[in-house]
């Protein structure tokens, strides 16, 4: 309460306010489920129908709660929401849902029902009025039933084949939107910056100058790759997803790939910095090979040969040019 003076303690709520809080919570959860359904409907229509059914379940419980409030307290329902009460279980803001994966959305929905059930169970233990205790207990049972109902709906609409197909589609979209652009950026940043960084390093043997060149090359390449990826394809026909997400993934990973072997040159001693940079380059190249094998299904040894051999040639070119 010291940090959130505008929030009420749950222990200070009246029975009417507890009931009003339950009503507003059911309204919010129904909206969240409908948001999930609309988010998933274009690519995962069967899962969207599951969330449509769950939203209808929440509507039914909200109507029952309103009827109970009308009988006990009349027509005027106090305006109280979960963010008005300290310690009340949170909900993810709607604008953060757009980036959730299919599995993450399913986990969020299951968590919503568990949180609500636990809240009502704990709330029932804090009141002394028998009617209110019974009401909160009934709400806990209802929320537990929601989770069971969700499983029933999933079994109705999601056969194992449908679920597997949706999972494959979600994985493919993740690879196209995040992994593929990020991998291209990591490869470009890791490999293309090797020659200029090590050429400057061996030409000057000045660690600070080498770091500045590496920083400029990495940041510049990241900005260039990010804009190129975002502008090359709006995703409408290719289905590769948001150009903003792809550009962000490509740009950030390009910069990271270059900075990995530029940062060691913050160490003043030239050979210490250079040996550490070589170790990081080795790790970067093998990481690229692993990502290609893991997400792009490229045979590991072929990916390793391509990446390590190519990176080694670029590194050797930089060292030879700088030494000459």
Protein backbone atom coordinates (compact mmCIF):
# COMPACT_ATOMS: atom_id res chain seq x y z
CA UNK A 1 0.00 0.00 0.00
CA UNK A 2 2.91 2.36 0.47
CA UNK A 3 3.73 2.20 -3.26
CA UNK A 4 0.12 1.95 -4.54
CA UNK A 5 -1.93 4.27 -2.32
CA UNK A 6 -4.76 4.39 -4.87
CA UNK A 7 -5.40 0.65 -4.63
CA UNK A 8 -7.76 -0.96 -2.20
CA UNK A 9 -6.81 -3.92 -0.06
CA UNK A 10 -8.93 -6.96 -0.77
CA UNK A 11 -9.65 -7.33 2.94
CA UNK A 12 -11.24 -3.86 2.88
CA UNK A 13 -13.75 -4.65 0.12
CA UNK A 14 -17.39 -5.11 1.00
CA UNK A 15 -19.35 -8.15 -0.13
CA UNK A 16 -20.99 -6.04 -2.85
CA UNK A 17 -17.60 -4.85 -4.09
CA UNK A 18 -16.27 -8.41 -4.18
CA UNK A 19 -19.22 -9.42 -6.32
CA UNK A 20 -18.74 -6.37 -8.56
CA UNK A 21 -15.07 -7.25 -8.92
CA UNK A 22 -16.00 -10.76 -10.00
CA UNK A 23 -18.41 -9.36 -12.61
CA UNK A 24 -15.82 -7.01 -14.11
CA UNK A 25 -13.24 -9.80 -14.13
CA UNK A 26 -15.57 -12.09 -16.06
CA UNK A 27 -16.19 -9.26 -18.56
CA UNK A 28 -12.46 -8.73 -19.03
CA UNK A 29 -11.74 -12.44 -19.47
CA UNK A 30 -14.48 -12.76 -22.10
CA UNK A 31 -12.93 -9.86 -24.02
CA UNK A 32 -9.48 -11.45 -23.80
CA UNK A 33 -10.76 -14.77 -25.14
CA UNK A 34 -12.49 -12.99 -28.02
CA UNK A 35 -9.26 -11.12 -28.75
CA UNK A 36 -7.43 -14.46 -28.85
CA UNK A 37 -10.09 -15.82 -31.21
CA UNK A 38 -9.80 -12.87 -33.60
CA UNK A 39 -6.02 -13.05 -33.46
CA UNK A 40 -6.01 -16.75 -34.35
CA UNK A 41 -8.97 -16.96 -36.74
CA UNK A 42 -7.09 -16.32 -40.04
CA UNK A 43 -4.42 -19.00 -39.47
CA UNK A 44 -5.91 -21.27 -36.78
CA UNK A 45 -9.72 -21.29 -37.17
CA UNK A 46 -10.24 -24.40 -35.05
CA UNK A 47 -8.43 -22.96 -32.04
CA UNK A 48 -10.33 -19.70 -32.59
CA UNK A 49 -13.59 -21.61 -32.16
CA UNK A 50 -12.28 -22.97 -28.85
CA UNK A 51 -11.78 -19.44 -27.57
CA UNK A 52 -15.17 -18.36 -28.90
CA UNK A 53 -16.69 -21.10 -26.78
CA UNK A 54 -14.70 -20.06 -23.73
CA UNK A 55 -15.84 -16.45 -24.15
CA UNK A 56 -19.44 -17.67 -24.23
CA UNK A 57 -18.81 -19.58 -20.99
CA UNK A 58 -17.52 -16.38 -19.36
CA UNK A 59 -20.60 -14.49 -20.60
CA UNK A 60 -22.85 -17.07 -18.96
CA UNK A 61 -21.10 -16.76 -15.60
CA UNK A 62 -21.14 -12.96 -15.83
CA UNK A 63 -24.91 -13.05 -16.36
CA UNK A 64 -25.31 -15.34 -13.35
CA UNK A 65 -23.19 -12.99 -11.23
CA UNK A 66 -25.21 -9.98 -12.31
CA UNK A 67 -28.42 -11.82 -11.39
CA UNK A 68 -26.99 -12.62 -7.96
CA UNK A 69 -25.99 -8.98 -7.47
CA UNK A 70 -29.46 -7.79 -8.49
CA UNK A 71 -31.07 -10.06 -5.89
CA UNK A 72 -28.72 -9.10 -3.03
CA UNK A 73 -27.79 -5.49 -3.72
CA UNK A 74 -30.01 -4.07 -6.46
CA UNK A 75 -29.39 -2.70 -9.94
CA UNK A 76 -26.38 -0.42 -9.34
CA UNK A 77 -23.09 -2.31 -9.65
CA UNK A 78 -20.04 -0.52 -8.14
CA UNK A 79 -17.30 0.30 -10.62
CA UNK A 80 -14.32 -1.73 -9.41
CA UNK A 81 -11.79 -3.56 -11.53
CA UNK A 82 -8.83 -5.83 -10.86
CA UNK A 83 -6.34 -2.96 -11.22
CA UNK A 84 -8.13 -1.15 -8.39
CA UNK A 85 -7.25 -3.91 -5.90
CA UNK A 86 -3.75 -4.51 -4.54
CA UNK A 87 -2.52 -8.06 -5.07
CA UNK A 88 -5.28 -9.04 -7.48
CA UNK A 89 -4.11 -11.44 -10.19
CA UNK A 90 -2.95 -9.52 -13.28
CA UNK A 91 -3.90 -9.94 -16.91
CA UNK A 92 -1.62 -9.35 -19.89
CA UNK A 93 -2.58 -6.13 -21.74
CA UNK A 94 -4.39 -6.82 -25.01
CA UNK A 95 -1.79 -4.99 -27.11
CA UNK A 96 0.89 -7.45 -25.94
CA UNK A 97 -1.05 -10.46 -27.24
CA UNK A 98 -0.27 -9.88 -30.91
CA UNK A 99 3.22 -11.37 -30.57
CA UNK A 100 2.25 -14.47 -28.61
CA UNK A 101 2.75 -17.85 -30.22
CA UNK A 102 -0.06 -20.39 -30.47
CA UNK A 103 1.31 -22.49 -27.60
CA UNK A 104 1.85 -19.37 -25.51
CA UNK A 105 -1.77 -18.29 -26.03
CA UNK A 106 -2.98 -21.71 -24.92
CA UNK A 107 -0.77 -21.48 -21.82
CA UNK A 108 -2.04 -17.97 -21.07
CA UNK A 109 -5.66 -19.15 -21.24
CA UNK A 110 -5.00 -22.10 -18.93
CA UNK A 111 -3.18 -19.78 -16.52
CA UNK A 112 -6.10 -17.34 -16.54
CA UNK A 113 -8.48 -20.03 -15.34
CA UNK A 114 -6.07 -21.33 -12.69
CA UNK A 115 -5.42 -17.82 -11.36
CA UNK A 116 -9.12 -17.04 -11.14
CA UNK A 117 -9.87 -20.30 -9.35
CA UNK A 118 -7.07 -19.75 -6.84
CA UNK A 119 -8.18 -16.17 -6.23
CA UNK A 120 -11.74 -17.16 -5.41
CA UNK A 121 -10.55 -19.97 -3.14
CA UNK A 122 -8.34 -17.59 -1.18
CA UNK A 123 -11.04 -14.91 -1.10
CA UNK A 124 -13.57 -17.37 0.31
CA UNK A 125 -11.28 -18.00 3.28
CA UNK A 126 -11.10 -14.29 4.14
CA UNK A 127 -14.81 -13.59 4.63
CA UNK A 128 -16.99 -14.50 7.58
CA UNK A 129 -20.45 -14.04 6.07
CA UNK A 130 -21.82 -17.45 5.17
CA UNK A 131 -23.59 -16.28 2.01
CA UNK A 132 -20.53 -14.50 0.69
CA UNK A 133 -18.30 -17.46 1.52
CA UNK A 134 -20.66 -19.76 -0.39
CA UNK A 135 -20.75 -17.36 -3.32
CA UNK A 136 -16.96 -17.19 -3.56
CA UNK A 137 -16.70 -20.95 -3.22
CA UNK A 138 -19.18 -21.37 -6.05
CA UNK A 139 -17.11 -19.00 -8.16
CA UNK A 140 -13.98 -21.05 -7.49
CA UNK A 141 -15.81 -24.20 -8.62
CA UNK A 142 -17.06 -22.35 -11.69
CA UNK A 143 -13.54 -21.25 -12.64
CA UNK A 144 -12.25 -24.78 -12.18
CA UNK A 145 -15.08 -25.88 -14.42
CA UNK A 146 -13.97 -23.34 -16.99
CA UNK A 147 -10.61 -25.08 -17.27
CA UNK A 148 -12.31 -28.44 -17.69
CA UNK A 149 -14.69 -26.88 -20.19
CA UNK A 150 -11.73 -25.52 -22.14
CA UNK A 151 -10.33 -29.03 -22.39
CA UNK A 152 -13.72 -30.31 -23.61
CA UNK A 153 -13.90 -27.56 -26.23
CA UNK A 154 -10.35 -28.28 -27.35
CA UNK A 155 -11.16 -31.97 -27.75
CA UNK A 156 -14.32 -31.06 -29.70
CA UNK A 157 -12.67 -28.66 -32.13
CA UNK A 158 -9.04 -29.80 -32.08
CA UNK A 159 -8.37 -33.32 -33.19
CA UNK A 160 -4.75 -34.50 -32.88
CA UNK A 161 -4.29 -33.95 -36.62
CA UNK A 162 -5.72 -30.43 -36.49
CA UNK A 163 -3.61 -29.52 -33.46
CA UNK A 164 -0.49 -30.91 -35.13
CA UNK A 165 -1.24 -28.98 -38.33
CA UNK A 166 -1.75 -25.74 -36.39
CA UNK A 167 1.47 -26.31 -34.45
CA UNK A 168 3.37 -26.85 -37.70
CA UNK A 169 1.86 -23.70 -39.16
CA UNK A 170 2.78 -21.67 -36.07
CA UNK A 171 6.34 -23.03 -36.12
CA UNK A 172 6.69 -22.22 -39.82
CA UNK A 173 5.46 -18.66 -39.22
CA UNK A 174 7.93 -18.23 -36.36
CA UNK A 175 10.78 -19.40 -38.58
CA UNK A 176 9.78 -17.15 -41.49
CA UNK A 177 9.20 -14.04 -39.37
CA UNK A 178 11.96 -14.26 -36.77
CA UNK A 179 14.48 -17.05 -37.36
CA UNK A 180 15.18 -16.68 -41.07
CA UNK A 181 15.77 -12.90 -41.05
CA UNK A 182 17.68 -13.14 -37.78
CA UNK A 183 19.88 -15.93 -39.12
CA UNK A 184 20.62 -13.96 -42.29
CA UNK A 185 21.53 -10.96 -40.17
CA UNK A 186 23.72 -12.98 -37.81
CA UNK A 187 25.57 -14.52 -40.75
CA UNK A 188 26.06 -11.16 -42.41
CA UNK A 189 27.16 -9.44 -39.22
CA UNK A 190 29.47 -12.23 -38.11
CA UNK A 191 31.13 -12.91 -41.46
CA UNK A 192 31.12 -9.59 -43.34
CA UNK A 193 32.71 -7.65 -40.48
CA UNK A 194 35.57 -10.11 -40.01
CA UNK A 195 37.73 -8.70 -42.80
CA UNK A 196 37.54 -4.98 -41.87
CA UNK A 197 37.90 -5.58 -38.12
CA UNK A 198 40.93 -7.87 -38.34
CA UNK A 199 42.48 -5.90 -41.19
CA UNK A 200 42.44 -2.78 -39.01
CA UNK A 201 43.59 -4.78 -36.00
CA UNK A 202 46.70 -6.16 -37.70
CA UNK A 203 47.40 -2.99 -39.63
CA UNK A 204 47.36 -0.70 -36.56
CA UNK A 205 47.62 -3.06 -33.56
CA UNK A 206 45.60 -0.35 -31.83
CA UNK A 207 42.77 -1.95 -29.88
CA UNK A 208 40.72 1.24 -29.44
CA UNK A 209 40.83 2.06 -33.16
CA UNK A 210 39.89 -1.53 -33.97
CA UNK A 211 36.94 -1.36 -31.59
CA UNK A 212 35.71 1.89 -33.14
CA UNK A 213 35.90 0.41 -36.64
CA UNK A 214 34.11 -2.74 -35.45
CA UNK A 215 31.40 -0.74 -33.70
CA UNK A 216 30.81 1.44 -36.77
CA UNK A 217 30.78 -1.55 -39.11
CA UNK A 218 28.40 -3.53 -36.89
CA UNK A 219 25.91 -0.74 -36.24
CA UNK A 220 26.00 0.41 -39.85
CA UNK A 221 25.48 -3.12 -41.15
CA UNK A 222 22.64 -3.66 -38.66
CA UNK A 223 20.80 -0.53 -39.78
CA UNK A 224 21.33 -1.39 -43.45
CA UNK A 225 20.19 -5.01 -43.09
CA UNK A 226 17.19 -4.03 -41.00
CA UNK A 227 15.89 -1.50 -43.52
CA UNK A 228 16.65 -3.81 -46.44
CA UNK A 229 14.72 -6.71 -44.91
CA UNK A 230 11.75 -4.53 -43.95
CA UNK A 231 11.55 -2.86 -47.37
CA UNK A 232 12.11 -5.99 -49.47
CA UNK A 233 8.82 -7.74 -48.67
CA UNK A 234 5.63 -6.54 -46.99
CA UNK A 235 4.67 -10.15 -46.21
CA UNK A 236 1.28 -9.91 -47.91
CA UNK A 237 2.05 -12.44 -50.64
CA UNK A 238 4.97 -14.37 -49.18
CA UNK A 239 3.34 -14.90 -45.79
CA UNK A 240 6.62 -14.09 -44.05
CA UNK A 241 4.91 -11.88 -41.50
CA UNK A 242 5.30 -8.27 -40.40
CA UNK A 243 8.11 -6.38 -42.17
CA UNK A 244 8.75 -4.49 -38.92
CA UNK A 245 9.39 -7.73 -37.00
CA UNK A 246 11.58 -9.15 -39.75
CA UNK A 247 13.56 -5.91 -40.06
CA UNK A 248 14.03 -5.74 -36.30
CA UNK A 249 15.21 -9.36 -36.14
CA UNK A 250 17.61 -8.95 -39.05
CA UNK A 251 19.00 -5.60 -37.90
CA UNK A 252 19.57 -6.56 -34.29
CA UNK A 253 21.19 -9.89 -35.10
CA UNK A 254 23.44 -8.28 -37.72
CA UNK A 255 24.71 -5.79 -35.15
CA UNK A 256 25.12 -8.54 -32.55
CA UNK A 257 27.10 -10.68 -34.99
CA UNK A 258 29.61 -7.90 -35.61
CA UNK A 259 29.83 -6.64 -32.06
CA UNK A 260 30.66 -10.12 -30.77
CA UNK A 261 34.22 -9.98 -32.07
CA UNK A 262 34.55 -6.18 -31.84
CA UNK A 263 33.95 -5.93 -28.08
CA UNK A 264 37.13 -7.83 -27.10
CA UNK A 265 39.13 -4.90 -28.45
CA UNK A 266 38.02 -2.86 -25.47
CA UNK A 267 40.87 -4.80 -23.81
CA UNK A 268 44.04 -2.68 -24.14
CA UNK A 269 46.42 -5.61 -24.73
CA UNK A 270 46.40 -6.41 -28.47
CA UNK A 271 47.08 -10.16 -28.43
CA UNK A 272 44.75 -10.82 -25.50
CA UNK A 273 41.96 -9.00 -27.32
CA UNK A 274 42.73 -10.72 -30.62
CA UNK A 275 42.84 -14.25 -29.21
CA UNK A 276 39.56 -13.64 -27.38
CA UNK A 277 38.03 -12.26 -30.60
CA UNK A 278 39.14 -15.42 -32.46
CA UNK A 279 37.48 -17.60 -29.81
CA UNK A 280 34.25 -15.60 -30.13
CA UNK A 281 34.36 -15.88 -33.93
CA UNK A 282 34.69 -19.66 -33.59
CA UNK A 283 31.66 -19.76 -31.26
CA UNK A 284 29.63 -17.48 -33.56
CA UNK A 285 30.26 -19.61 -36.62
CA UNK A 286 29.33 -22.85 -34.88
CA UNK A 287 26.22 -21.19 -33.42
CA UNK A 288 25.14 -20.22 -36.94
CA UNK A 289 25.65 -23.80 -38.09
CA UNK A 290 23.55 -25.07 -35.15
CA UNK A 291 20.71 -22.63 -35.90
CA UNK A 292 20.71 -23.67 -39.54
CA UNK A 293 20.48 -27.30 -38.50
CA UNK A 294 17.86 -26.68 -35.79
CA UNK A 295 15.43 -24.41 -37.63
CA UNK A 296 16.29 -24.58 -41.33
CA UNK A 297 16.83 -28.37 -41.34
CA UNK A 298 20.23 -28.01 -43.01
CA UNK A 299 22.44 -31.06 -42.32
CA UNK A 300 24.76 -30.02 -39.52
CA UNK A 301 28.06 -30.97 -41.11
CA UNK A 302 27.14 -29.29 -44.39
CA UNK A 303 26.10 -26.14 -42.54
CA UNK A 304 29.28 -26.24 -40.47
CA UNK A 305 31.43 -26.69 -43.56
CA UNK A 306 29.79 -23.79 -45.36
CA UNK A 307 29.79 -21.36 -42.46
CA UNK A 308 33.11 -22.23 -40.84
CA UNK A 309 34.97 -22.49 -44.15
CA UNK A 310 33.49 -19.24 -45.44
CA UNK A 311 34.11 -17.42 -42.19
CA UNK A 312 37.63 -18.77 -41.99
CA UNK A 313 38.43 -17.51 -45.49
CA UNK A 314 37.08 -14.03 -44.71
CA UNK A 315 39.04 -13.96 -41.43
CA UNK A 316 42.21 -15.02 -43.20
CA UNK A 317 41.69 -12.34 -45.83
CA UNK A 318 41.36 -9.66 -43.17
CA UNK A 319 44.50 -10.81 -41.35
CA UNK A 320 46.55 -11.00 -44.57
CA UNK A 321 45.41 -7.59 -45.78
CA UNK A 322 46.11 -6.00 -42.39
CA UNK A 323 49.48 -7.66 -42.04
CA UNK A 324 50.57 -6.58 -45.52
